[in-house]
Amino acid sequence: MLFCSCLLIFVIYGILTPIYAKILDSKLSNQRAFYIAWTTAPYLVAYFYSPLIFYPFLVIFNIISYTFALKRKINLLIIALFSTAILGELIYSLVFYHTNYA
């Protein structure tokens, strides 16, 4: 199966986001800062390990995720992280098949 390993982090963060949101809901003094840091981490990893063609895609989804994090919309943040993984994998597959089998 064709899979871009840099996108696996978005699946992991998408799964862990509701768990951490539930555990740390009332225990954080600055929830907004936590969600900004939580949103920044997977994108920083993806910027270093992704192919160059992903950068515009990652920047767009990073901005969308920051918007959700600033508004504390955790459910939408989860969807944004999973969408980044799924759409990124589709783009990677299309680019890979286009360049290798065209």
PDB file of N, CA and C in Angstrom:
ATOM      1  N   MET A   1       0.845  -1.189   0.000  1.00  0.00           N
ATOM      2  CA  MET A   1       0.000   0.000   0.000  1.00  0.00           C
ATOM      3  C   MET A   1       0.884   1.244   0.000  1.00  0.00           C
ATOM      4  N   LEU A   2       0.499   2.184  -0.783  1.00  0.00           N
ATOM      5  CA  LEU A   2       1.242   3.428  -0.886  1.00  0.00           C
ATOM      6  C   LEU A   2       0.814   4.357   0.246  1.00  0.00           C
ATOM      7  N   PHE A   3       1.770   4.825   1.021  1.00  0.00           N
ATOM      8  CA  PHE A   3       1.427   5.708   2.130  1.00  0.00           C
ATOM      9  C   PHE A   3       2.586   6.649   2.379  1.00  0.00           C
ATOM     10  N   CYS A   4       2.266   7.914   2.547  1.00  0.00           N
ATOM     11  CA  CYS A   4       3.278   8.916   2.870  1.00  0.00           C
ATOM     12  C   CYS A   4       3.430   8.947   4.388  1.00  0.00           C
ATOM     13  N   SER A   5       4.583   8.578   4.888  1.00  0.00           N
ATOM     14  CA  SER A   5       4.773   8.430   6.331  1.00  0.00           C
ATOM     15  C   SER A   5       4.655   9.747   7.085  1.00  0.00           C
ATOM     16  N   CYS A   6       4.861  10.872   6.429  1.00  0.00           N
ATOM     17  CA  CYS A   6       4.757  12.148   7.131  1.00  0.00           C
ATOM     18  C   CYS A   6       3.313  12.462   7.510  1.00  0.00           C
ATOM     19  N   LEU A   7       2.343  11.817   6.870  1.00  0.00           N
ATOM     20  CA  LEU A   7       0.938  12.083   7.175  1.00  0.00           C
ATOM     21  C   LEU A   7       0.406  11.218   8.307  1.00  0.00           C
ATOM     22  N   LEU A   8       1.172  10.221   8.720  1.00  0.00           N
ATOM     23  CA  LEU A   8       0.743   9.362   9.820  1.00  0.00           C
ATOM     24  C   LEU A   8       0.595  10.152  11.113  1.00  0.00           C
ATOM     25  N   ILE A   9       1.396  11.174  11.296  1.00  0.00           N
ATOM     26  CA  ILE A   9       1.315  11.979  12.517  1.00  0.00           C
ATOM     27  C   ILE A   9      -0.036  12.667  12.653  1.00  0.00           C
ATOM     28  N   PHE A  10      -0.672  13.029  11.539  1.00  0.00           N
ATOM     29  CA  PHE A  10      -1.983  13.669  11.611  1.00  0.00           C
ATOM     30  C   PHE A  10      -3.051  12.691  12.072  1.00  0.00           C
ATOM     31  N   VAL A  11      -2.925  11.439  11.691  1.00  0.00           N
ATOM     32  CA  VAL A  11      -3.859  10.417  12.169  1.00  0.00           C
ATOM     33  C   VAL A  11      -3.685  10.225  13.673  1.00  0.00           C
ATOM     34  N   ILE A  12      -2.447  10.159  14.122  1.00  0.00           N
ATOM     35  CA  ILE A  12      -2.179   9.983  15.552  1.00  0.00           C
ATOM     36  C   ILE A  12      -2.698  11.176  16.346  1.00  0.00           C
ATOM     37  N   TYR A  13      -2.421  12.380  15.888  1.00  0.00           N
ATOM     38  CA  TYR A  13      -2.905  13.565  16.592  1.00  0.00           C
ATOM     39  C   TYR A  13      -4.425  13.674  16.532  1.00  0.00           C
ATOM     40  N   GLY A  14      -5.025  13.245  15.433  1.00  0.00           N
ATOM     41  CA  GLY A  14      -6.480  13.249  15.337  1.00  0.00           C
ATOM     42  C   GLY A  14      -7.119  12.314  16.342  1.00  0.00           C
ATOM     43  N   ILE A  15      -6.473  11.185  16.601  1.00  0.00           N
ATOM     44  CA  ILE A  15      -6.983  10.240  17.599  1.00  0.00           C
ATOM     45  C   ILE A  15      -6.743  10.758  19.013  1.00  0.00           C
ATOM     46  N   LEU A  16      -5.587  11.352  19.265  1.00  0.00           N
ATOM     47  CA  LEU A  16      -5.247  11.799  20.615  1.00  0.00           C
ATOM     48  C   LEU A  16      -5.914  13.108  21.025  1.00  0.00           C
ATOM     49  N   THR A  17      -6.351  13.919  20.084  1.00  0.00           N
ATOM     50  CA  THR A  17      -6.937  15.218  20.424  1.00  0.00           C
ATOM     51  C   THR A  17      -8.155  15.106  21.331  1.00  0.00           C
ATOM     52  N   PRO A  18      -9.168  14.283  21.037  1.00  0.00           N
ATOM     53  CA  PRO A  18     -10.305  14.218  21.963  1.00  0.00           C
ATOM     54  C   PRO A  18      -9.937  13.623  23.314  1.00  0.00           C
ATOM     55  N   ILE A  19      -8.948  12.731  23.336  1.00  0.00           N
ATOM     56  CA  ILE A  19      -8.528  12.142  24.613  1.00  0.00           C
ATOM     57  C   ILE A  19      -7.906  13.212  25.500  1.00  0.00           C
ATOM     58  N   TYR A  20      -6.970  13.971  24.957  1.00  0.00           N
ATOM     59  CA  TYR A  20      -6.345  15.037  25.732  1.00  0.00           C
ATOM     60  C   TYR A  20      -7.332  16.151  26.063  1.00  0.00           C
ATOM     61  N   ALA A  21      -8.236  16.451  25.173  1.00  0.00           N
ATOM     62  CA  ALA A  21      -9.229  17.493  25.449  1.00  0.00           C
ATOM     63  C   ALA A  21     -10.118  17.089  26.615  1.00  0.00           C
ATOM     64  N   LYS A  22     -10.460  15.824  26.709  1.00  0.00           N
ATOM     65  CA  LYS A  22     -11.309  15.340  27.799  1.00  0.00           C
ATOM     66  C   LYS A  22     -10.542  15.311  29.120  1.00  0.00           C
ATOM     67  N   ILE A  23      -9.306  14.823  29.078  1.00  0.00           N
ATOM     68  CA  ILE A  23      -8.507  14.701  30.302  1.00  0.00           C
ATOM     69  C   ILE A  23      -8.115  16.068  30.850  1.00  0.00           C
ATOM     70  N   LEU A  24      -7.710  16.978  29.992  1.00  0.00           N
ATOM     71  CA  LEU A  24      -7.159  18.261  30.430  1.00  0.00           C
ATOM     72  C   LEU A  24      -8.150  19.416  30.364  1.00  0.00           C
ATOM     73  N   ASP A  25      -9.422  19.128  30.206  1.00  0.00           N
ATOM     74  CA  ASP A  25     -10.414  20.182  29.979  1.00  0.00           C
ATOM     75  C   ASP A  25     -10.425  21.232  31.079  1.00  0.00           C
ATOM     76  N   SER A  26     -10.513  20.850  32.323  1.00  0.00           N
ATOM     77  CA  SER A  26     -10.605  21.838  33.403  1.00  0.00           C
ATOM     78  C   SER A  26      -9.276  22.033  34.123  1.00  0.00           C
ATOM     79  N   LYS A  27      -8.241  21.323  33.731  1.00  0.00           N
ATOM     80  CA  LYS A  27      -6.968  21.383  34.436  1.00  0.00           C
ATOM     81  C   LYS A  27      -5.984  22.389  33.853  1.00  0.00           C
ATOM     82  N   LEU A  28      -6.277  22.926  32.695  1.00  0.00           N
ATOM     83  CA  LEU A  28      -5.358  23.860  32.049  1.00  0.00           C
ATOM     84  C   LEU A  28      -5.700  25.295  32.415  1.00  0.00           C
ATOM     85  N   SER A  29      -4.675  26.080  32.688  1.00  0.00           N
ATOM     86  CA  SER A  29      -4.923  27.491  32.965  1.00  0.00           C
ATOM     87  C   SER A  29      -5.034  28.293  31.672  1.00  0.00           C
ATOM     88  N   ASN A  30      -4.351  27.860  30.642  1.00  0.00           N
ATOM     89  CA  ASN A  30      -4.393  28.563  29.367  1.00  0.00           C
ATOM     90  C   ASN A  30      -4.693  27.550  28.259  1.00  0.00           C
ATOM     91  N   GLN A  31      -5.967  27.275  28.052  1.00  0.00           N
ATOM     92  CA  GLN A  31      -6.370  26.268  27.073  1.00  0.00           C
ATOM     93  C   GLN A  31      -6.021  26.682  25.653  1.00  0.00           C
ATOM     94  N   ARG A  32      -6.150  27.948  25.362  1.00  0.00           N
ATOM     95  CA  ARG A  32      -5.875  28.416  24.004  1.00  0.00           C
ATOM     96  C   ARG A  32      -4.409  28.171  23.630  1.00  0.00           C
ATOM     97  N   ALA A  33      -3.497  28.438  24.545  1.00  0.00           N
ATOM     98  CA  ALA A  33      -2.075  28.200  24.267  1.00  0.00           C
ATOM     99  C   ALA A  33      -1.795  26.712  24.070  1.00  0.00           C
ATOM    100  N   PHE A  34      -2.458  25.873  24.858  1.00  0.00           N
ATOM    101  CA  PHE A  34      -2.278  24.429  24.686  1.00  0.00           C
ATOM    102  C   PHE A  34      -2.743  23.985  23.306  1.00  0.00           C
ATOM    103  N   TYR A  35      -3.899  24.451  22.870  1.00  0.00           N
ATOM    104  CA  TYR A  35      -4.417  24.032  21.570  1.00  0.00           C
ATOM    105  C   TYR A  35      -3.582  24.583  20.415  1.00  0.00           C
ATOM    106  N   ILE A  36      -3.015  25.767  20.581  1.00  0.00           N
ATOM    107  CA  ILE A  36      -2.114  26.300  19.553  1.00  0.00           C
ATOM    108  C   ILE A  36      -0.855  25.435  19.465  1.00  0.00           C
ATOM    109  N   ALA A  37      -0.284  25.083  20.612  1.00  0.00           N
ATOM    110  CA  ALA A  37       0.900  24.215  20.609  1.00  0.00           C
ATOM    111  C   ALA A  37       0.559  22.828  20.070  1.00  0.00           C
ATOM    112  N   TRP A  38      -0.618  22.327  20.435  1.00  0.00           N
ATOM    113  CA  TRP A  38      -1.056  21.013  19.965  1.00  0.00           C
ATOM    114  C   TRP A  38      -1.251  21.024  18.447  1.00  0.00           C
ATOM    115  N   THR A  39      -1.723  22.127  17.913  1.00  0.00           N
ATOM    116  CA  THR A  39      -1.925  22.247  16.472  1.00  0.00           C
ATOM    117  C   THR A  39      -0.596  22.425  15.741  1.00  0.00           C
ATOM    118  N   THR A  40       0.344  23.106  16.353  1.00  0.00           N
ATOM    119  CA  THR A  40       1.625  23.382  15.707  1.00  0.00           C
ATOM    120  C   THR A  40       2.477  22.126  15.538  1.00  0.00           C
ATOM    121  N   ALA A  41       2.453  21.238  16.503  1.00  0.00           N
ATOM    122  CA  ALA A  41       3.364  20.083  16.522  1.00  0.00           C
ATOM    123  C   ALA A  41       3.281  19.190  15.281  1.00  0.00           C
ATOM    124  N   PRO A  42       2.104  18.705  14.875  1.00  0.00           N
ATOM    125  CA  PRO A  42       2.115  17.804  13.712  1.00  0.00           C
ATOM    126  C   PRO A  42       2.510  18.499  12.413  1.00  0.00           C
ATOM    127  N   TYR A  43       2.170  19.780  12.299  1.00  0.00           N
ATOM    128  CA  TYR A  43       2.536  20.491  11.075  1.00  0.00           C
ATOM    129  C   TYR A  43       4.039  20.739  11.003  1.00  0.00           C
ATOM    130  N   LEU A  44       4.666  21.011  12.149  1.00  0.00           N
ATOM    131  CA  LEU A  44       6.122  21.181  12.132  1.00  0.00           C
ATOM    132  C   LEU A  44       6.821  19.902  11.693  1.00  0.00           C
ATOM    133  N   VAL A  45       6.356  18.774  12.189  1.00  0.00           N
ATOM    134  CA  VAL A  45       6.937  17.498  11.773  1.00  0.00           C
ATOM    135  C   VAL A  45       6.712  17.277  10.282  1.00  0.00           C
ATOM    136  N   ALA A  46       5.508  17.569   9.822  1.00  0.00           N
ATOM    137  CA  ALA A  46       5.181  17.349   8.408  1.00  0.00           C
ATOM    138  C   ALA A  46       5.988  18.266   7.492  1.00  0.00           C
ATOM    139  N   TYR A  47       6.280  19.495   7.941  1.00  0.00           N
ATOM    140  CA  TYR A  47       7.076  20.394   7.099  1.00  0.00           C
ATOM    141  C   TYR A  47       8.476  19.829   6.847  1.00  0.00           C
ATOM    142  N   PHE A  48       9.057  19.169   7.839  1.00  0.00           N
ATOM    143  CA  PHE A  48      10.409  18.633   7.677  1.00  0.00           C
ATOM    144  C   PHE A  48      10.448  17.352   6.855  1.00  0.00           C
ATOM    145  N   TYR A  49       9.415  16.527   6.974  1.00  0.00           N
ATOM    146  CA  TYR A  49       9.480  15.199   6.364  1.00  0.00           C
ATOM    147  C   TYR A  49       8.603  15.013   5.138  1.00  0.00           C
ATOM    148  N   SER A  50       7.921  16.037   4.700  1.00  0.00           N
ATOM    149  CA  SER A  50       7.031  15.864   3.553  1.00  0.00           C
ATOM    150  C   SER A  50       7.715  16.306   2.263  1.00  0.00           C
ATOM    151  N   PRO A  51       7.245  15.776   1.150  1.00  0.00           N
ATOM    152  CA  PRO A  51       7.763  16.238  -0.147  1.00  0.00           C
ATOM    153  C   PRO A  51       7.388  17.702  -0.388  1.00  0.00           C
ATOM    154  N   LEU A  52       8.131  18.347  -1.232  1.00  0.00           N
ATOM    155  CA  LEU A  52       7.937  19.774  -1.483  1.00  0.00           C
ATOM    156  C   LEU A  52       6.552  20.095  -2.032  1.00  0.00           C
ATOM    157  N   ILE A  53       5.949  19.169  -2.724  1.00  0.00           N
ATOM    158  CA  ILE A  53       4.640  19.427  -3.321  1.00  0.00           C
ATOM    159  C   ILE A  53       3.544  19.585  -2.265  1.00  0.00           C
ATOM    160  N   PHE A  54       3.778  19.105  -1.049  1.00  0.00           N
ATOM    161  CA  PHE A  54       2.781  19.197   0.021  1.00  0.00           C
ATOM    162  C   PHE A  54       2.754  20.558   0.710  1.00  0.00           C
ATOM    163  N   TYR A  55       3.765  21.371   0.559  1.00  0.00           N
ATOM    164  CA  TYR A  55       3.857  22.598   1.342  1.00  0.00           C
ATOM    165  C   TYR A  55       2.655  23.532   1.206  1.00  0.00           C
ATOM    166  N   PRO A  56       2.180  23.846   0.005  1.00  0.00           N
ATOM    167  CA  PRO A  56       0.995  24.727  -0.063  1.00  0.00           C
ATOM    168  C   PRO A  56      -0.225  24.103   0.616  1.00  0.00           C
ATOM    169  N   PHE A  57      -0.402  22.814   0.423  1.00  0.00           N
ATOM    170  CA  PHE A  57      -1.499  22.084   1.054  1.00  0.00           C
ATOM    171  C   PHE A  57      -1.387  22.142   2.582  1.00  0.00           C
ATOM    172  N   LEU A  58      -0.183  21.919   3.112  1.00  0.00           N
ATOM    173  CA  LEU A  58       0.015  21.947   4.557  1.00  0.00           C
ATOM    174  C   LEU A  58      -0.187  23.342   5.131  1.00  0.00           C
ATOM    175  N   VAL A  59       0.251  24.363   4.427  1.00  0.00           N
ATOM    176  CA  VAL A  59       0.076  25.738   4.912  1.00  0.00           C
ATOM    177  C   VAL A  59      -1.404  26.090   4.996  1.00  0.00           C
ATOM    178  N   ILE A  60      -2.170  25.713   3.988  1.00  0.00           N
ATOM    179  CA  ILE A  60      -3.611  26.004   4.002  1.00  0.00           C
ATOM    180  C   ILE A  60      -4.287  25.302   5.173  1.00  0.00           C
ATOM    181  N   PHE A  61      -4.006  24.022   5.357  1.00  0.00           N
ATOM    182  CA  PHE A  61      -4.625  23.298   6.463  1.00  0.00           C
ATOM    183  C   PHE A  61      -4.094  23.754   7.816  1.00  0.00           C
ATOM    184  N   ASN A  62      -2.861  24.218   7.875  1.00  0.00           N
ATOM    185  CA  ASN A  62      -2.323  24.752   9.116  1.00  0.00           C
ATOM    186  C   ASN A  62      -3.066  26.018   9.518  1.00  0.00           C
ATOM    187  N   ILE A  63      -3.343  26.884   8.578  1.00  0.00           N
ATOM    188  CA  ILE A  63      -4.103  28.108   8.866  1.00  0.00           C
ATOM    189  C   ILE A  63      -5.515  27.769   9.318  1.00  0.00           C
ATOM    190  N   ILE A  64      -6.144  26.813   8.652  1.00  0.00           N
ATOM    191  CA  ILE A  64      -7.494  26.391   9.051  1.00  0.00           C
ATOM    192  C   ILE A  64      -7.471  25.817  10.468  1.00  0.00           C
ATOM    193  N   SER A  65      -6.475  25.001  10.776  1.00  0.00           N
ATOM    194  CA  SER A  65      -6.376  24.407  12.112  1.00  0.00           C
ATOM    195  C   SER A  65      -6.126  25.465  13.180  1.00  0.00           C
ATOM    196  N   TYR A  66      -5.298  26.464  12.875  1.00  0.00           N
ATOM    197  CA  TYR A  66      -5.086  27.553  13.832  1.00  0.00           C
ATOM    198  C   TYR A  66      -6.382  28.315  14.093  1.00  0.00           C
ATOM    199  N   THR A  67      -7.173  28.511  13.066  1.00  0.00           N
ATOM    200  CA  THR A  67      -8.456  29.192  13.244  1.00  0.00           C
ATOM    201  C   THR A  67      -9.348  28.414  14.196  1.00  0.00           C
ATOM    202  N   PHE A  68      -9.414  27.105  14.018  1.00  0.00           N
ATOM    203  CA  PHE A  68     -10.222  26.276  14.917  1.00  0.00           C
ATOM    204  C   PHE A  68      -9.648  26.261  16.327  1.00  0.00           C
ATOM    205  N   ALA A  69      -8.332  26.240  16.454  1.00  0.00           N
ATOM    206  CA  ALA A  69      -7.709  26.216  17.776  1.00  0.00           C
ATOM    207  C   ALA A  69      -7.940  27.526  18.516  1.00  0.00           C
ATOM    208  N   LEU A  70      -7.855  28.648  17.805  1.00  0.00           N
ATOM    209  CA  LEU A  70      -8.082  29.938  18.458  1.00  0.00           C
ATOM    210  C   LEU A  70      -9.523  30.101  18.920  1.00  0.00           C
ATOM    211  N   LYS A  71     -10.451  29.503  18.185  1.00  0.00           N
ATOM    212  CA  LYS A  71     -11.859  29.576  18.571  1.00  0.00           C
ATOM    213  C   LYS A  71     -12.260  28.443  19.507  1.00  0.00           C
ATOM    214  N   ARG A  72     -11.305  27.577  19.846  1.00  0.00           N
ATOM    215  CA  ARG A  72     -11.514  26.429  20.735  1.00  0.00           C
ATOM    216  C   ARG A  72     -12.591  25.484  20.225  1.00  0.00           C
ATOM    217  N   LYS A  73     -12.625  25.273  18.960  1.00  0.00           N
ATOM    218  CA  LYS A  73     -13.562  24.329  18.340  1.00  0.00           C
ATOM    219  C   LYS A  73     -12.826  23.003  18.160  1.00  0.00           C
ATOM    220  N   ILE A  74     -12.851  22.196  19.198  1.00  0.00           N
ATOM    221  CA  ILE A  74     -12.062  20.971  19.224  1.00  0.00           C
ATOM    222  C   ILE A  74     -12.566  19.960  18.207  1.00  0.00           C
ATOM    223  N   ASN A  75     -13.877  19.836  18.053  1.00  0.00           N
ATOM    224  CA  ASN A  75     -14.416  18.873  17.088  1.00  0.00           C
ATOM    225  C   ASN A  75     -13.976  19.208  15.668  1.00  0.00           C
ATOM    226  N   LEU A  76     -13.956  20.491  15.335  1.00  0.00           N
ATOM    227  CA  LEU A  76     -13.501  20.892  14.003  1.00  0.00           C
ATOM    228  C   LEU A  76     -11.992  20.712  13.846  1.00  0.00           C
ATOM    229  N   LEU A  77     -11.256  20.870  14.942  1.00  0.00           N
ATOM    230  CA  LEU A  77      -9.812  20.650  14.906  1.00  0.00           C
ATOM    231  C   LEU A  77      -9.504  19.180  14.622  1.00  0.00           C
ATOM    232  N   ILE A  78     -10.271  18.284  15.216  1.00  0.00           N
ATOM    233  CA  ILE A  78     -10.100  16.852  14.956  1.00  0.00           C
ATOM    234  C   ILE A  78     -10.362  16.556  13.486  1.00  0.00           C
ATOM    235  N   ILE A  79     -11.428  17.130  12.951  1.00  0.00           N
ATOM    236  CA  ILE A  79     -11.764  16.924  11.538  1.00  0.00           C
ATOM    237  C   ILE A  79     -10.663  17.480  10.637  1.00  0.00           C
ATOM    238  N   ALA A  80     -10.113  18.638  10.999  1.00  0.00           N
ATOM    239  CA  ALA A  80      -9.043  19.236  10.186  1.00  0.00           C
ATOM    240  C   ALA A  80      -7.797  18.355  10.174  1.00  0.00           C
ATOM    241  N   LEU A  81      -7.446  17.765  11.328  1.00  0.00           N
ATOM    242  CA  LEU A  81      -6.265  16.904  11.379  1.00  0.00           C
ATOM    243  C   LEU A  81      -6.464  15.638  10.549  1.00  0.00           C
ATOM    244  N   PHE A  82      -7.638  15.019  10.673  1.00  0.00           N
ATOM    245  CA  PHE A  82      -7.918  13.827   9.869  1.00  0.00           C
ATOM    246  C   PHE A  82      -8.015  14.175   8.384  1.00  0.00           C
ATOM    247  N   SER A  83      -8.603  15.323   8.067  1.00  0.00           N
ATOM    248  CA  SER A  83      -8.714  15.733   6.663  1.00  0.00           C
ATOM    249  C   SER A  83      -7.343  15.966   6.048  1.00  0.00           C
ATOM    250  N   THR A  84      -6.435  16.527   6.828  1.00  0.00           N
ATOM    251  CA  THR A  84      -5.076  16.723   6.337  1.00  0.00           C
ATOM    252  C   THR A  84      -4.439  15.386   5.978  1.00  0.00           C
ATOM    253  N   ALA A  85      -4.648  14.392   6.820  1.00  0.00           N
ATOM    254  CA  ALA A  85      -4.068  13.070   6.549  1.00  0.00           C
ATOM    255  C   ALA A  85      -4.698  12.427   5.319  1.00  0.00           C
ATOM    256  N   ILE A  86      -6.018  12.474   5.225  1.00  0.00           N
ATOM    257  CA  ILE A  86      -6.709  11.801   4.121  1.00  0.00           C
ATOM    258  C   ILE A  86      -6.446  12.503   2.790  1.00  0.00           C
ATOM    259  N   LEU A  87      -6.634  13.819   2.758  1.00  0.00           N
ATOM    260  CA  LEU A  87      -6.414  14.551   1.508  1.00  0.00           C
ATOM    261  C   LEU A  87      -4.942  14.553   1.103  1.00  0.00           C
ATOM    262  N   GLY A  88      -4.070  14.624   2.079  1.00  0.00           N
ATOM    263  CA  GLY A  88      -2.646  14.549   1.771  1.00  0.00           C
ATOM    264  C   GLY A  88      -2.266  13.217   1.166  1.00  0.00           C
ATOM    265  N   GLU A  89      -2.855  12.151   1.686  1.00  0.00           N
ATOM    266  CA  GLU A  89      -2.589  10.828   1.119  1.00  0.00           C
ATOM    267  C   GLU A  89      -3.122  10.723  -0.307  1.00  0.00           C
ATOM    268  N   LEU A  90      -4.283  11.302  -0.560  1.00  0.00           N
ATOM    269  CA  LEU A  90      -4.824  11.297  -1.924  1.00  0.00           C
ATOM    270  C   LEU A  90      -3.921  12.062  -2.886  1.00  0.00           C
ATOM    271  N   ILE A  91      -3.463  13.218  -2.459  1.00  0.00           N
ATOM    272  CA  ILE A  91      -2.567  14.014  -3.304  1.00  0.00           C
ATOM    273  C   ILE A  91      -1.264  13.258  -3.544  1.00  0.00           C
ATOM    274  N   TYR A  92      -0.734  12.664  -2.495  1.00  0.00           N
ATOM    275  CA  TYR A  92       0.509  11.895  -2.632  1.00  0.00           C
ATOM    276  C   TYR A  92       0.326  10.731  -3.602  1.00  0.00           C
ATOM    277  N   SER A  93      -0.779  10.022  -3.486  1.00  0.00           N
ATOM    278  CA  SER A  93      -1.038   8.889  -4.381  1.00  0.00           C
ATOM    279  C   SER A  93      -1.176   9.345  -5.826  1.00  0.00           C
ATOM    280  N   LEU A  94      -1.910  10.432  -6.035  1.00  0.00           N
ATOM    281  CA  LEU A  94      -2.087  10.931  -7.400  1.00  0.00           C
ATOM    282  C   LEU A  94      -0.767  11.391  -8.011  1.00  0.00           C
ATOM    283  N   VAL A  95       0.036  12.086  -7.235  1.00  0.00           N
ATOM    284  CA  VAL A  95       1.325  12.559  -7.741  1.00  0.00           C
ATOM    285  C   VAL A  95       2.250  11.377  -8.006  1.00  0.00           C
ATOM    286  N   PHE A  96       2.266  10.411  -7.096  1.00  0.00           N
ATOM    287  CA  PHE A  96       3.133   9.244  -7.267  1.00  0.00           C
ATOM    288  C   PHE A  96       2.753   8.456  -8.510  1.00  0.00           C
ATOM    289  N   TYR A  97       1.471   8.160  -8.658  1.00  0.00           N
ATOM    290  CA  TYR A  97       1.037   7.387  -9.819  1.00  0.00           C
ATOM    291  C   TYR A  97       1.203   8.168 -11.118  1.00  0.00           C
ATOM    292  N   HIS A  98       1.012   9.471 -11.057  1.00  0.00           N
ATOM    293  CA  HIS A  98       1.156  10.287 -12.262  1.00  0.00           C
ATOM    294  C   HIS A  98       2.612  10.327 -12.729  1.00  0.00           C
ATOM    295  N   THR A  99       3.532  10.465 -11.789  1.00  0.00           N
ATOM    296  CA  THR A  99       4.937  10.570 -12.179  1.00  0.00           C
ATOM    297  C   THR A  99       5.561   9.217 -12.504  1.00  0.00           C
ATOM    298  N   ASN A 100       5.081   8.151 -11.879  1.00  0.00           N
ATOM    299  CA  ASN A 100       5.702   6.842 -12.104  1.00  0.00           C
ATOM    300  C   ASN A 100       5.050   6.018 -13.202  1.00  0.00           C
ATOM    301  N   TYR A 101       3.772   6.228 -13.450  1.00  0.00           N
ATOM    302  CA  TYR A 101       3.071   5.392 -14.414  1.00  0.00           C
ATOM    303  C   TYR A 101       2.525   6.161 -15.607  1.00  0.00           C
ATOM    304  N   ALA A 102       2.913   7.411 -15.761  1.00  0.00           N
ATOM    305  CA  ALA A 102       2.412   8.199 -16.892  1.00  0.00           C
ATOM    306  C   ALA A 102       3.206   7.928 -18.144  1.00  0.00           C
TER     307      ALA A 102
END
